[in-house]
Amino acid sequence: RPGVQVRISPEGEVLIKSPGQMMGYYKHPELNAQSFTEDGFFHTGDLGELRPDGQLKLTGRVKELFKTSKGKYVAPAPIENRLLAHPMLESAMVSGVGQTAPYAVLVLTESLRPQLADAAVRERVESELGSLLDRVNQSLAAHEQLRMLVVAAEPWTMENGQLTPTMKIKRSRIEAAVADQ
């Protein structure tokens, strides 16, 4: 749009400046300092990248970023999207807060879960997931590469407290459930 400026911060956050944006918060200078850069760009809270054709691609939310024990930030949404392209998977969550490397927790499709008792099916799933891990890691920066894929023991639901009423995963609940392992 004419007059709209977009740039990406060093952390990957989309920053915008526009004649139509708000001027700031009335009598709240601390909110203004948090919401705007010194040169007037608004912090959107979205992660994104500018494509070579000039289009903006949103890739996640800043609040979803986590830092590994090596001090590197990881955006989980793009990695989760790569994992979820596999037809065996219903849900995926990438985490690694305070860990040396990220990992992913996966929920297999509803039709596949009951078949895991069959050793041949289980072996095929393990093989497929091993190949998926290799493929996904090849497309990631070294600090984003997944150490392992973990299959959740049960699907994530509102009833077990791992999904919100709007069907979003509760990252902290799932992380807590797998923390001991």
Protein backbone atom coordinates (compact mmCIF):
# COMPACT_ATOMS: atom_id res chain seq x y z
CA ARG A 1 0.00 0.00 0.00
CA PRO A 2 1.19 3.53 -0.67
CA GLY A 3 2.66 5.17 2.42
CA VAL A 4 2.98 1.93 4.38
CA GLN A 5 6.50 0.94 5.34
CA VAL A 6 7.36 -2.58 6.46
CA ARG A 7 10.62 -3.89 7.85
CA ILE A 8 11.70 -6.98 9.72
CA SER A 9 13.51 -6.57 13.05
CA PRO A 10 16.71 -8.54 13.74
CA GLU A 11 14.53 -10.95 15.79
CA GLY A 12 12.21 -11.51 12.81
CA GLU A 13 9.29 -9.36 14.02
CA VAL A 14 7.23 -7.46 11.46
CA LEU A 15 7.40 -3.70 12.09
CA ILE A 16 5.09 -1.29 10.27
CA LYS A 17 4.79 2.45 9.87
CA SER A 18 1.78 4.01 8.21
CA PRO A 19 0.00 7.35 8.05
CA GLY A 20 -3.10 5.47 9.23
CA GLN A 21 -1.62 3.92 12.36
CA MET A 22 -2.44 5.13 15.84
CA MET A 23 -0.29 7.89 17.26
CA GLY A 24 0.16 6.16 20.59
CA TYR A 25 -1.51 5.48 23.91
CA TYR A 26 -2.99 8.52 25.64
CA LYS A 27 -1.03 9.35 28.81
CA HIS A 28 0.81 5.98 28.76
CA PRO A 29 4.40 6.64 27.69
CA GLU A 30 5.52 3.21 28.93
CA LEU A 31 3.08 1.48 26.54
CA ASN A 32 4.27 3.72 23.71
CA ALA A 33 7.88 2.73 24.42
CA GLN A 34 6.92 -0.96 24.30
CA SER A 35 4.73 -0.65 21.21
CA PHE A 36 6.86 1.55 18.95
CA THR A 37 10.49 1.72 17.88
CA GLU A 38 12.35 4.98 18.42
CA ASP A 39 11.75 5.89 14.77
CA GLY A 40 7.97 5.28 14.94
CA PHE A 41 7.54 1.71 13.65
CA PHE A 42 4.81 -0.31 15.38
CA HIS A 43 5.67 -3.74 16.87
CA THR A 44 3.00 -6.05 15.38
CA GLY A 45 3.91 -9.14 17.42
CA ASP A 46 3.97 -11.14 14.18
CA LEU A 47 7.01 -12.97 12.87
CA GLY A 48 7.54 -12.72 9.16
CA GLU A 49 9.81 -12.41 6.19
CA LEU A 50 9.82 -10.29 3.09
CA ARG A 51 9.80 -12.50 0.00
CA PRO A 52 11.88 -11.63 -3.06
CA ASP A 53 8.70 -10.52 -4.89
CA GLY A 54 8.06 -7.93 -2.14
CA GLN A 55 5.23 -9.84 -0.49
CA LEU A 56 5.16 -10.22 3.29
CA LYS A 57 4.89 -13.78 4.59
CA LEU A 58 3.76 -14.19 8.21
CA THR A 59 5.44 -17.14 9.91
CA GLY A 60 4.30 -17.05 13.53
CA ARG A 61 3.98 -14.91 16.63
CA VAL A 62 6.76 -13.35 18.68
CA LYS A 63 5.27 -14.74 21.91
CA GLU A 64 5.74 -18.27 20.55
CA LEU A 65 9.51 -17.81 20.21
CA PHE A 66 11.56 -19.77 22.71
CA LYS A 67 15.23 -19.75 23.61
CA THR A 68 17.33 -22.90 23.89
CA SER A 69 19.99 -23.29 26.58
CA LYS A 70 22.53 -22.25 23.95
CA GLY A 71 20.88 -18.81 23.80
CA LYS A 72 19.40 -19.23 20.31
CA TYR A 73 15.81 -18.25 19.52
CA VAL A 74 13.56 -20.66 17.62
CA ALA A 75 10.21 -19.90 15.97
CA PRO A 76 8.13 -23.09 16.27
CA ALA A 77 5.30 -22.41 13.78
CA PRO A 78 7.27 -22.80 10.52
CA ILE A 79 8.80 -26.06 11.77
CA GLU A 80 5.40 -27.34 12.93
CA ASN A 81 3.96 -26.57 9.50
CA ARG A 82 6.69 -28.64 7.83
CA LEU A 83 5.95 -31.56 10.14
CA LEU A 84 2.18 -31.31 9.67
CA ALA A 85 2.55 -31.75 5.92
CA HIS A 86 3.01 -35.47 6.71
CA PRO A 87 -0.25 -37.44 6.38
CA MET A 88 0.38 -39.50 9.55
CA LEU A 89 0.19 -36.44 11.78
CA GLU A 90 -2.81 -34.70 13.30
CA SER A 91 -0.96 -32.20 15.52
CA ALA A 92 2.58 -31.07 16.23
CA MET A 93 4.27 -28.84 18.78
CA VAL A 94 7.90 -27.77 18.65
CA SER A 95 9.52 -26.80 21.93
CA GLY A 96 12.89 -26.76 23.62
CA VAL A 97 12.79 -24.02 26.22
CA GLY A 98 16.07 -24.29 28.11
CA GLN A 99 17.05 -27.47 26.22
CA THR A 100 20.24 -27.81 24.17
CA ALA A 101 18.15 -28.39 21.02
CA PRO A 102 14.48 -28.21 20.03
CA TYR A 103 12.26 -31.28 19.87
CA ALA A 104 8.76 -31.95 18.57
CA VAL A 105 5.81 -33.68 20.20
CA LEU A 106 3.44 -35.25 17.69
CA VAL A 107 -0.09 -36.60 17.71
CA LEU A 108 -0.72 -39.31 15.14
CA THR A 109 -3.95 -39.34 13.14
CA GLU A 110 -7.02 -40.80 14.78
CA SER A 111 -7.11 -43.73 12.36
CA LEU A 112 -3.44 -44.62 12.94
CA ARG A 113 -3.34 -44.48 16.77
CA PRO A 114 -5.23 -47.74 17.43
CA GLN A 115 -3.04 -49.62 14.91
CA LEU A 116 0.19 -49.00 16.89
CA ALA A 117 -0.32 -52.25 18.81
CA ASP A 118 0.62 -54.04 15.56
CA ALA A 119 4.44 -54.35 15.50
CA ALA A 120 4.61 -53.97 11.71
CA VAL A 121 2.59 -50.75 11.79
CA ARG A 122 4.67 -49.42 14.66
CA GLU A 123 7.88 -50.19 12.76
CA ARG A 124 6.54 -48.41 9.64
CA VAL A 125 5.55 -45.35 11.70
CA GLU A 126 9.01 -45.21 13.33
CA SER A 127 10.67 -45.46 9.93
CA GLU A 128 8.45 -42.77 8.40
CA LEU A 129 9.01 -40.43 11.34
CA GLY A 130 12.77 -40.98 11.15
CA SER A 131 12.71 -39.99 7.48
CA LEU A 132 10.51 -36.99 8.29
CA LEU A 133 12.94 -35.84 10.98
CA ASP A 134 15.85 -36.05 8.52
CA ARG A 135 13.95 -34.15 5.80
CA VAL A 136 12.76 -31.39 8.12
CA ASN A 137 16.19 -30.95 9.72
CA GLN A 138 17.83 -30.58 6.29
CA SER A 139 15.70 -27.48 5.71
CA LEU A 140 16.50 -25.83 9.07
CA ALA A 141 19.33 -23.73 10.44
CA ALA A 142 21.64 -25.67 12.77
CA HIS A 143 20.19 -24.14 15.95
CA GLU A 144 16.60 -24.99 14.83
CA GLN A 145 17.24 -28.66 14.03
CA LEU A 146 15.10 -31.06 16.03
CA ARG A 147 16.88 -33.47 18.34
CA MET A 148 13.95 -35.89 18.35
CA LEU A 149 10.30 -36.50 17.55
CA VAL A 150 8.15 -37.71 20.44
CA VAL A 151 4.76 -39.33 19.82
CA ALA A 152 2.20 -38.21 22.40
CA ALA A 153 0.62 -41.02 24.41
CA GLU A 154 -2.85 -39.56 23.87
CA PRO A 155 -4.39 -36.94 21.58
CA TRP A 156 -4.61 -33.34 22.77
CA THR A 157 -8.13 -32.39 23.78
CA MET A 158 -9.97 -29.73 25.76
CA GLU A 159 -10.92 -32.43 28.27
CA ASN A 160 -7.30 -33.28 29.10
CA GLY A 161 -6.42 -29.58 29.26
CA GLN A 162 -4.04 -29.56 26.31
CA LEU A 163 -6.29 -27.59 23.91
CA THR A 164 -8.09 -24.30 24.41
CA PRO A 165 -11.81 -23.99 23.59
CA THR A 166 -10.70 -22.51 20.23
CA MET A 167 -8.63 -25.67 19.57
CA LYS A 168 -5.21 -24.03 20.05
CA ILE A 169 -2.55 -26.07 21.79
CA LYS A 170 -1.61 -25.14 25.33
CA ARG A 171 2.16 -25.20 24.93
CA SER A 172 2.99 -24.92 28.62
CA ARG A 173 0.68 -27.84 29.55
CA ILE A 174 2.14 -30.10 26.87
CA GLU A 175 5.71 -29.10 27.77
CA ALA A 176 4.99 -29.88 31.42
CA ALA A 177 3.56 -33.28 30.48
CA VAL A 178 6.78 -34.31 28.67
CA ALA A 179 9.29 -32.43 30.86
CA ASP A 180 10.42 -35.49 32.85
CA GLN A 181 11.30 -37.40 29.70
